[in-house]
Amino acid sequence: MPLQAGTQAPDFNLPDDTGKPHRLSDYRGKYVVLYFYPKDDTSGCTTEACSFRDGYGDYTRAGVVLLGVSPDSVKSHAKFKAKYSLPYPLLADEGHVVTDQYQAWGQKKFMGREFFGVLRTTYLIAPDGSIAHVFENVKPAGHSQQVLGSVPRV
């Protein structure tokens, strides 16, 4: 079960696709979309990443920071980002520590097999660092518009 709306979002320190560190606390005062996805360059993850890319202008106009997180390496993120011209940082959580903190790591089933992995989850974090909205069991197609629609307009 993911973290709940109204609770404080855990701070983190993760490298992006260039190795630059990002902390949630760096973005205080802004809305942050933190989306957890399983794996670079797979079909669902590519659909989701590209939908955020296509809506990126709307996010920036709304003053929203967009951050993708997966257990892939900095190098993998750099290739994925370049291949699809993704304009926002992809954060490498190789030990899935932050993914665990956000309760986006858990048991999954695929083709009768059970395993542990990333539970596709997105958090909208308010300017004060609290969780404003949680999206569970995300369906990649159209997800970006769903998230953007939940951002309060000022």
N, C-alpha and C. Protein backbone atom coordinates (compact mmCIF):
# COMPACT_ATOMS: atom_id res chain seq x y z
N MET A 1 0.85 -1.19 0.00
CA MET A 1 0.00 0.00 0.00
C MET A 1 0.89 1.25 0.00
N PRO A 2 0.65 2.17 -0.91
CA PRO A 2 1.53 3.35 -1.01
C PRO A 2 1.32 4.30 0.17
N LEU A 3 2.22 5.26 0.25
CA LEU A 3 2.09 6.31 1.25
C LEU A 3 0.78 7.04 0.99
N GLN A 4 0.23 7.66 2.01
CA GLN A 4 -1.09 8.28 1.89
C GLN A 4 -1.01 9.79 1.67
N ALA A 5 -2.00 10.33 0.98
CA ALA A 5 -2.11 11.78 0.80
C ALA A 5 -2.22 12.42 2.17
N GLY A 6 -1.58 13.56 2.32
CA GLY A 6 -1.60 14.29 3.58
C GLY A 6 -0.38 14.01 4.45
N THR A 7 0.35 12.92 4.16
CA THR A 7 1.56 12.63 4.92
C THR A 7 2.77 13.31 4.27
N GLN A 8 3.84 13.44 5.03
CA GLN A 8 5.07 14.07 4.53
C GLN A 8 5.78 13.09 3.59
N ALA A 9 6.21 13.56 2.44
CA ALA A 9 6.94 12.73 1.49
C ALA A 9 8.38 12.57 1.98
N PRO A 10 8.91 11.35 1.98
CA PRO A 10 10.30 11.15 2.41
C PRO A 10 11.28 11.88 1.50
N ASP A 11 12.26 12.53 2.11
CA ASP A 11 13.31 13.16 1.30
C ASP A 11 14.21 12.05 0.75
N PHE A 12 14.94 12.34 -0.29
CA PHE A 12 15.84 11.35 -0.88
C PHE A 12 17.00 12.09 -1.53
N ASN A 13 18.01 11.33 -1.92
CA ASN A 13 19.15 11.85 -2.64
C ASN A 13 19.52 10.80 -3.68
N LEU A 14 19.15 11.05 -4.94
CA LEU A 14 19.41 10.10 -6.02
C LEU A 14 20.08 10.80 -7.20
N PRO A 15 20.99 10.08 -7.89
CA PRO A 15 21.61 10.65 -9.09
C PRO A 15 20.67 10.56 -10.29
N ASP A 16 20.77 11.56 -11.16
CA ASP A 16 19.98 11.52 -12.38
C ASP A 16 20.78 10.87 -13.51
N ASP A 17 20.27 10.97 -14.70
CA ASP A 17 20.86 10.35 -15.88
C ASP A 17 22.22 10.92 -16.25
N THR A 18 22.65 12.03 -15.61
CA THR A 18 23.99 12.58 -15.83
C THR A 18 24.87 12.37 -14.60
N GLY A 19 24.31 11.80 -13.54
CA GLY A 19 25.04 11.61 -12.30
C GLY A 19 24.83 12.72 -11.29
N LYS A 20 24.11 13.77 -11.68
CA LYS A 20 23.84 14.90 -10.77
C LYS A 20 22.85 14.47 -9.69
N PRO A 21 23.16 14.78 -8.40
CA PRO A 21 22.24 14.39 -7.34
C PRO A 21 20.99 15.28 -7.28
N HIS A 22 19.88 14.67 -6.95
CA HIS A 22 18.61 15.39 -6.76
C HIS A 22 18.05 15.00 -5.39
N ARG A 23 17.61 16.00 -4.65
CA ARG A 23 16.93 15.77 -3.37
C ARG A 23 15.52 16.34 -3.50
N LEU A 24 14.56 15.67 -2.90
CA LEU A 24 13.20 16.20 -2.92
C LEU A 24 13.18 17.59 -2.30
N SER A 25 13.95 17.77 -1.25
CA SER A 25 13.98 19.07 -0.55
C SER A 25 14.50 20.20 -1.44
N ASP A 26 15.20 19.87 -2.53
CA ASP A 26 15.66 20.90 -3.48
C ASP A 26 14.48 21.59 -4.16
N TYR A 27 13.32 20.94 -4.14
CA TYR A 27 12.16 21.43 -4.89
C TYR A 27 11.06 21.99 -4.00
N ARG A 28 11.39 22.27 -2.74
CA ARG A 28 10.39 22.87 -1.84
C ARG A 28 9.85 24.14 -2.49
N GLY A 29 8.56 24.37 -2.33
CA GLY A 29 7.94 25.54 -2.92
C GLY A 29 7.33 25.26 -4.29
N LYS A 30 7.54 24.05 -4.82
CA LYS A 30 6.97 23.68 -6.13
C LYS A 30 6.24 22.35 -6.00
N TYR A 31 5.29 22.13 -6.88
CA TYR A 31 4.70 20.82 -7.00
C TYR A 31 5.70 19.90 -7.70
N VAL A 32 5.77 18.66 -7.26
CA VAL A 32 6.66 17.67 -7.86
C VAL A 32 5.85 16.43 -8.22
N VAL A 33 6.01 15.98 -9.45
CA VAL A 33 5.46 14.69 -9.86
C VAL A 33 6.63 13.71 -9.79
N LEU A 34 6.47 12.71 -8.93
CA LEU A 34 7.48 11.68 -8.74
C LEU A 34 6.85 10.37 -9.21
N TYR A 35 7.30 9.90 -10.38
CA TYR A 35 6.69 8.68 -10.90
C TYR A 35 7.69 7.53 -10.90
N PHE A 36 7.24 6.41 -10.36
CA PHE A 36 8.05 5.20 -10.25
C PHE A 36 7.65 4.26 -11.37
N TYR A 37 8.66 3.78 -12.11
CA TYR A 37 8.39 2.88 -13.23
C TYR A 37 9.39 1.73 -13.20
N PRO A 38 9.01 0.57 -13.75
CA PRO A 38 9.84 -0.62 -13.61
C PRO A 38 11.17 -0.63 -14.37
N LYS A 39 11.18 -0.29 -15.67
CA LYS A 39 12.41 -0.52 -16.43
C LYS A 39 12.49 0.36 -17.68
N ASP A 40 13.67 0.94 -17.86
CA ASP A 40 13.93 1.74 -19.06
C ASP A 40 13.70 0.93 -20.33
N ASP A 41 13.16 1.60 -21.35
CA ASP A 41 13.06 1.08 -22.70
C ASP A 41 12.24 -0.21 -22.82
N THR A 42 11.23 -0.35 -21.97
CA THR A 42 10.26 -1.43 -22.14
C THR A 42 8.96 -0.77 -22.60
N SER A 43 8.05 -1.54 -23.14
CA SER A 43 6.90 -0.92 -23.82
C SER A 43 6.06 -0.02 -22.92
N GLY A 44 5.60 -0.51 -21.76
CA GLY A 44 4.76 0.31 -20.89
C GLY A 44 5.51 1.51 -20.34
N CYS A 45 6.76 1.30 -19.98
CA CYS A 45 7.55 2.39 -19.40
C CYS A 45 7.86 3.47 -20.46
N THR A 46 8.07 3.03 -21.70
CA THR A 46 8.30 3.98 -22.78
C THR A 46 7.03 4.79 -23.05
N THR A 47 5.89 4.12 -23.07
CA THR A 47 4.61 4.81 -23.26
C THR A 47 4.42 5.87 -22.18
N GLU A 48 4.66 5.49 -20.93
CA GLU A 48 4.48 6.42 -19.82
C GLU A 48 5.47 7.59 -19.90
N ALA A 49 6.74 7.29 -20.12
CA ALA A 49 7.77 8.33 -20.19
C ALA A 49 7.48 9.31 -21.32
N CYS A 50 7.08 8.78 -22.48
CA CYS A 50 6.81 9.65 -23.63
C CYS A 50 5.54 10.48 -23.42
N SER A 51 4.58 9.96 -22.66
CA SER A 51 3.39 10.76 -22.39
C SER A 51 3.74 11.93 -21.46
N PHE A 52 4.64 11.70 -20.51
CA PHE A 52 5.11 12.82 -19.68
C PHE A 52 5.94 13.79 -20.54
N ARG A 53 6.73 13.26 -21.47
CA ARG A 53 7.50 14.12 -22.38
C ARG A 53 6.56 15.00 -23.20
N ASP A 54 5.51 14.40 -23.74
CA ASP A 54 4.59 15.14 -24.59
C ASP A 54 3.83 16.22 -23.82
N GLY A 55 3.63 16.02 -22.52
CA GLY A 55 2.95 17.01 -21.69
C GLY A 55 3.90 17.93 -20.93
N TYR A 56 5.20 17.79 -21.20
CA TYR A 56 6.21 18.52 -20.42
C TYR A 56 6.00 20.04 -20.44
N GLY A 57 5.64 20.59 -21.58
CA GLY A 57 5.39 22.03 -21.68
C GLY A 57 4.27 22.47 -20.74
N ASP A 58 3.22 21.67 -20.66
CA ASP A 58 2.11 21.98 -19.76
C ASP A 58 2.57 21.93 -18.29
N TYR A 59 3.40 20.95 -17.98
CA TYR A 59 3.92 20.85 -16.61
C TYR A 59 4.79 22.07 -16.26
N THR A 60 5.68 22.45 -17.16
CA THR A 60 6.56 23.58 -16.86
C THR A 60 5.75 24.88 -16.75
N ARG A 61 4.76 25.06 -17.62
CA ARG A 61 3.91 26.26 -17.52
C ARG A 61 3.16 26.30 -16.19
N ALA A 62 2.84 25.12 -15.65
CA ALA A 62 2.14 25.05 -14.36
C ALA A 62 3.13 25.11 -13.17
N GLY A 63 4.44 25.20 -13.49
CA GLY A 63 5.45 25.28 -12.43
C GLY A 63 5.70 23.97 -11.72
N VAL A 64 5.42 22.85 -12.41
CA VAL A 64 5.56 21.52 -11.80
C VAL A 64 6.88 20.88 -12.24
N VAL A 65 7.58 20.29 -11.27
CA VAL A 65 8.81 19.55 -11.53
C VAL A 65 8.43 18.09 -11.79
N LEU A 66 9.02 17.51 -12.81
CA LEU A 66 8.73 16.13 -13.19
C LEU A 66 9.99 15.29 -12.98
N LEU A 67 9.87 14.18 -12.21
CA LEU A 67 11.00 13.29 -11.94
C LEU A 67 10.55 11.84 -12.11
N GLY A 68 11.27 11.08 -12.94
CA GLY A 68 11.02 9.66 -13.09
C GLY A 68 12.03 8.88 -12.25
N VAL A 69 11.60 7.77 -11.64
CA VAL A 69 12.48 6.96 -10.80
C VAL A 69 12.33 5.49 -11.16
N SER A 70 13.46 4.82 -11.35
CA SER A 70 13.45 3.36 -11.53
C SER A 70 14.76 2.81 -10.98
N PRO A 71 14.82 1.48 -10.82
CA PRO A 71 16.05 0.87 -10.30
C PRO A 71 17.17 0.77 -11.34
N ASP A 72 16.95 1.27 -12.54
CA ASP A 72 17.99 1.22 -13.57
C ASP A 72 19.16 2.13 -13.23
N SER A 73 20.29 1.88 -13.88
CA SER A 73 21.52 2.65 -13.63
C SER A 73 21.49 4.02 -14.30
N VAL A 74 22.42 4.87 -13.89
CA VAL A 74 22.59 6.19 -14.51
C VAL A 74 22.82 6.01 -16.02
N LYS A 75 23.67 5.06 -16.39
CA LYS A 75 23.99 4.82 -17.80
C LYS A 75 22.75 4.39 -18.59
N SER A 76 21.95 3.49 -18.00
CA SER A 76 20.71 3.05 -18.66
C SER A 76 19.76 4.22 -18.84
N HIS A 77 19.63 5.05 -17.81
CA HIS A 77 18.76 6.23 -17.90
C HIS A 77 19.23 7.18 -18.99
N ALA A 78 20.54 7.38 -19.10
CA ALA A 78 21.08 8.29 -20.11
C ALA A 78 20.70 7.82 -21.52
N LYS A 79 20.82 6.52 -21.77
CA LYS A 79 20.46 5.96 -23.09
C LYS A 79 18.96 6.12 -23.36
N PHE A 80 18.15 5.77 -22.36
CA PHE A 80 16.69 5.85 -22.49
C PHE A 80 16.26 7.29 -22.75
N LYS A 81 16.82 8.21 -21.99
CA LYS A 81 16.47 9.62 -22.12
C LYS A 81 16.85 10.14 -23.51
N ALA A 82 18.04 9.79 -23.98
CA ALA A 82 18.50 10.24 -25.30
C ALA A 82 17.65 9.63 -26.42
N LYS A 83 17.34 8.35 -26.31
CA LYS A 83 16.58 7.65 -27.36
C LYS A 83 15.21 8.27 -27.58
N TYR A 84 14.57 8.74 -26.49
CA TYR A 84 13.21 9.27 -26.61
C TYR A 84 13.11 10.77 -26.34
N SER A 85 14.25 11.46 -26.30
CA SER A 85 14.29 12.92 -26.08
C SER A 85 13.46 13.34 -24.87
N LEU A 86 13.70 12.67 -23.74
CA LEU A 86 12.96 12.99 -22.53
C LEU A 86 13.57 14.24 -21.90
N PRO A 87 12.78 15.28 -21.65
CA PRO A 87 13.33 16.57 -21.18
C PRO A 87 13.43 16.72 -19.66
N TYR A 88 13.14 15.68 -18.92
CA TYR A 88 13.14 15.76 -17.46
C TYR A 88 14.10 14.71 -16.89
N PRO A 89 14.54 14.89 -15.65
CA PRO A 89 15.49 13.95 -15.05
C PRO A 89 14.89 12.58 -14.77
N LEU A 90 15.71 11.55 -15.00
CA LEU A 90 15.39 10.19 -14.61
C LEU A 90 16.36 9.83 -13.48
N LEU A 91 15.82 9.44 -12.34
CA LEU A 91 16.64 9.18 -11.16
C LEU A 91 16.91 7.69 -11.00
N ALA A 92 18.18 7.37 -10.72
CA ALA A 92 18.62 5.98 -10.58
C ALA A 92 18.55 5.55 -9.12
N ASP A 93 17.65 4.63 -8.84
CA ASP A 93 17.46 4.08 -7.49
C ASP A 93 17.87 2.61 -7.54
N GLU A 94 19.18 2.37 -7.80
CA GLU A 94 19.66 1.02 -8.09
C GLU A 94 19.40 0.01 -6.97
N GLY A 95 19.43 0.42 -5.74
CA GLY A 95 19.14 -0.50 -4.65
C GLY A 95 17.68 -0.48 -4.24
N HIS A 96 16.85 0.19 -4.98
CA HIS A 96 15.42 0.44 -4.77
C HIS A 96 15.09 0.88 -3.34
N VAL A 97 16.02 1.65 -2.73
CA VAL A 97 15.81 2.16 -1.36
C VAL A 97 14.68 3.19 -1.34
N VAL A 98 14.72 4.15 -2.26
CA VAL A 98 13.69 5.18 -2.31
C VAL A 98 12.36 4.58 -2.77
N THR A 99 12.44 3.66 -3.73
CA THR A 99 11.23 2.97 -4.19
C THR A 99 10.57 2.25 -3.00
N ASP A 100 11.38 1.65 -2.15
CA ASP A 100 10.87 1.02 -0.92
C ASP A 100 10.24 2.05 0.01
N GLN A 101 10.95 3.18 0.22
CA GLN A 101 10.43 4.23 1.12
C GLN A 101 9.05 4.72 0.67
N TYR A 102 8.86 4.78 -0.63
CA TYR A 102 7.60 5.25 -1.20
C TYR A 102 6.61 4.10 -1.41
N GLN A 103 6.99 2.94 -0.90
CA GLN A 103 6.14 1.74 -0.97
C GLN A 103 5.69 1.45 -2.40
N ALA A 104 6.62 1.64 -3.33
CA ALA A 104 6.37 1.36 -4.74
C ALA A 104 7.15 0.12 -5.18
N TRP A 105 7.58 -0.70 -4.22
CA TRP A 105 8.26 -1.96 -4.50
C TRP A 105 7.46 -3.06 -3.84
N GLY A 106 7.13 -4.10 -4.57
CA GLY A 106 6.34 -5.15 -3.95
C GLY A 106 6.19 -6.36 -4.86
N GLN A 107 5.36 -7.26 -4.41
CA GLN A 107 5.14 -8.50 -5.14
C GLN A 107 4.25 -8.25 -6.35
N LYS A 108 4.67 -8.84 -7.47
CA LYS A 108 3.93 -8.71 -8.72
C LYS A 108 3.70 -10.09 -9.30
N LYS A 109 2.76 -10.17 -10.21
CA LYS A 109 2.50 -11.43 -10.93
C LYS A 109 2.51 -11.11 -12.42
N PHE A 110 3.16 -12.00 -13.17
CA PHE A 110 3.17 -11.84 -14.62
C PHE A 110 3.25 -13.24 -15.23
N MET A 111 2.27 -13.58 -16.05
CA MET A 111 2.21 -14.88 -16.73
C MET A 111 2.37 -16.03 -15.73
N GLY A 112 1.66 -15.93 -14.60
CA GLY A 112 1.68 -16.99 -13.61
C GLY A 112 2.89 -17.02 -12.70
N ARG A 113 3.83 -16.13 -12.92
CA ARG A 113 5.05 -16.06 -12.13
C ARG A 113 4.93 -14.95 -11.11
N GLU A 114 5.42 -15.17 -9.89
CA GLU A 114 5.44 -14.13 -8.86
C GLU A 114 6.87 -13.67 -8.66
N PHE A 115 7.04 -12.37 -8.51
CA PHE A 115 8.37 -11.80 -8.29
C PHE A 115 8.20 -10.43 -7.65
N PHE A 116 9.32 -9.85 -7.19
CA PHE A 116 9.28 -8.51 -6.62
C PHE A 116 9.79 -7.51 -7.64
N GLY A 117 9.17 -6.34 -7.66
CA GLY A 117 9.57 -5.30 -8.59
C GLY A 117 8.85 -4.00 -8.29
N VAL A 118 9.02 -3.05 -9.20
CA VAL A 118 8.40 -1.73 -9.05
C VAL A 118 6.91 -1.83 -9.33
N LEU A 119 6.12 -1.31 -8.41
CA LEU A 119 4.68 -1.18 -8.57
C LEU A 119 4.45 0.20 -9.17
N ARG A 120 3.99 0.26 -10.39
CA ARG A 120 3.88 1.54 -11.10
C ARG A 120 2.98 2.49 -10.29
N THR A 121 3.62 3.48 -9.68
CA THR A 121 2.96 4.41 -8.76
C THR A 121 3.46 5.82 -9.03
N THR A 122 2.58 6.80 -8.93
CA THR A 122 2.96 8.21 -9.10
C THR A 122 2.47 9.00 -7.90
N TYR A 123 3.34 9.89 -7.42
CA TYR A 123 2.99 10.79 -6.32
C TYR A 123 3.03 12.23 -6.82
N LEU A 124 2.01 12.99 -6.45
CA LEU A 124 2.03 14.44 -6.64
C LEU A 124 2.35 15.00 -5.26
N ILE A 125 3.49 15.68 -5.17
CA ILE A 125 3.96 16.22 -3.90
C ILE A 125 3.75 17.73 -3.91
N ALA A 126 3.11 18.21 -2.84
CA ALA A 126 2.77 19.64 -2.72
C ALA A 126 4.01 20.46 -2.39
N PRO A 127 3.92 21.78 -2.58
CA PRO A 127 5.06 22.66 -2.30
C PRO A 127 5.60 22.58 -0.86
N ASP A 128 4.75 22.18 0.08
CA ASP A 128 5.22 22.06 1.47
C ASP A 128 5.85 20.70 1.77
N GLY A 129 5.95 19.84 0.76
CA GLY A 129 6.58 18.53 0.93
C GLY A 129 5.62 17.42 1.33
N SER A 130 4.33 17.74 1.41
CA SER A 130 3.36 16.70 1.74
C SER A 130 2.85 16.05 0.46
N ILE A 131 2.34 14.85 0.60
CA ILE A 131 1.79 14.13 -0.55
C ILE A 131 0.38 14.65 -0.81
N ALA A 132 0.18 15.19 -2.01
CA ALA A 132 -1.11 15.77 -2.37
C ALA A 132 -2.03 14.73 -3.01
N HIS A 133 -1.43 13.82 -3.78
CA HIS A 133 -2.24 12.83 -4.50
C HIS A 133 -1.39 11.60 -4.78
N VAL A 134 -2.02 10.43 -4.76
CA VAL A 134 -1.34 9.17 -5.06
C VAL A 134 -2.08 8.47 -6.18
N PHE A 135 -1.33 8.02 -7.17
CA PHE A 135 -1.90 7.24 -8.28
C PHE A 135 -1.30 5.84 -8.19
N GLU A 136 -2.15 4.84 -7.95
CA GLU A 136 -1.70 3.46 -7.84
C GLU A 136 -2.08 2.68 -9.08
N ASN A 137 -1.37 1.58 -9.30
CA ASN A 137 -1.67 0.68 -10.43
C ASN A 137 -1.86 1.46 -11.72
N VAL A 138 -0.91 2.32 -11.98
CA VAL A 138 -0.97 3.24 -13.11
C VAL A 138 -1.03 2.49 -14.44
N LYS A 139 -1.90 2.95 -15.30
CA LYS A 139 -1.95 2.49 -16.69
C LYS A 139 -1.19 3.55 -17.50
N PRO A 140 -0.10 3.16 -18.18
CA PRO A 140 0.78 4.14 -18.83
C PRO A 140 0.10 5.09 -19.82
N ALA A 141 -0.77 4.58 -20.66
CA ALA A 141 -1.41 5.42 -21.67
C ALA A 141 -2.35 6.41 -20.99
N GLY A 142 -2.16 7.69 -21.27
CA GLY A 142 -3.04 8.72 -20.73
C GLY A 142 -2.76 9.13 -19.30
N HIS A 143 -1.77 8.49 -18.67
CA HIS A 143 -1.49 8.78 -17.26
C HIS A 143 -1.03 10.22 -17.04
N SER A 144 -0.20 10.73 -17.94
CA SER A 144 0.31 12.09 -17.78
C SER A 144 -0.82 13.11 -17.68
N GLN A 145 -1.82 12.98 -18.54
CA GLN A 145 -2.95 13.93 -18.52
C GLN A 145 -3.74 13.80 -17.22
N GLN A 146 -3.87 12.58 -16.73
CA GLN A 146 -4.55 12.33 -15.46
C GLN A 146 -3.82 13.05 -14.32
N VAL A 147 -2.49 12.93 -14.30
CA VAL A 147 -1.69 13.58 -13.25
C VAL A 147 -1.78 15.09 -13.38
N LEU A 148 -1.61 15.60 -14.59
CA LEU A 148 -1.67 17.04 -14.81
C LEU A 148 -3.01 17.61 -14.38
N GLY A 149 -4.07 16.86 -14.60
CA GLY A 149 -5.41 17.30 -14.19
C GLY A 149 -5.58 17.39 -12.68
N SER A 150 -4.70 16.74 -11.93
CA SER A 150 -4.81 16.77 -10.46
C SER A 150 -4.00 17.91 -9.83
N VAL A 151 -3.21 18.62 -10.63
CA VAL A 151 -2.41 19.72 -10.12
C VAL A 151 -3.31 20.94 -9.91
N PRO A 152 -3.36 21.45 -8.69
CA PRO A 152 -4.20 22.64 -8.46
C PRO A 152 -3.72 23.84 -9.29
N ARG A 153 -4.64 24.54 -9.86
CA ARG A 153 -4.31 25.74 -10.64
C ARG A 153 -4.34 26.96 -9.72
N VAL A 154 -3.30 27.78 -9.87
CA VAL A 154 -3.24 29.00 -9.04
C VAL A 154 -3.57 30.22 -9.82
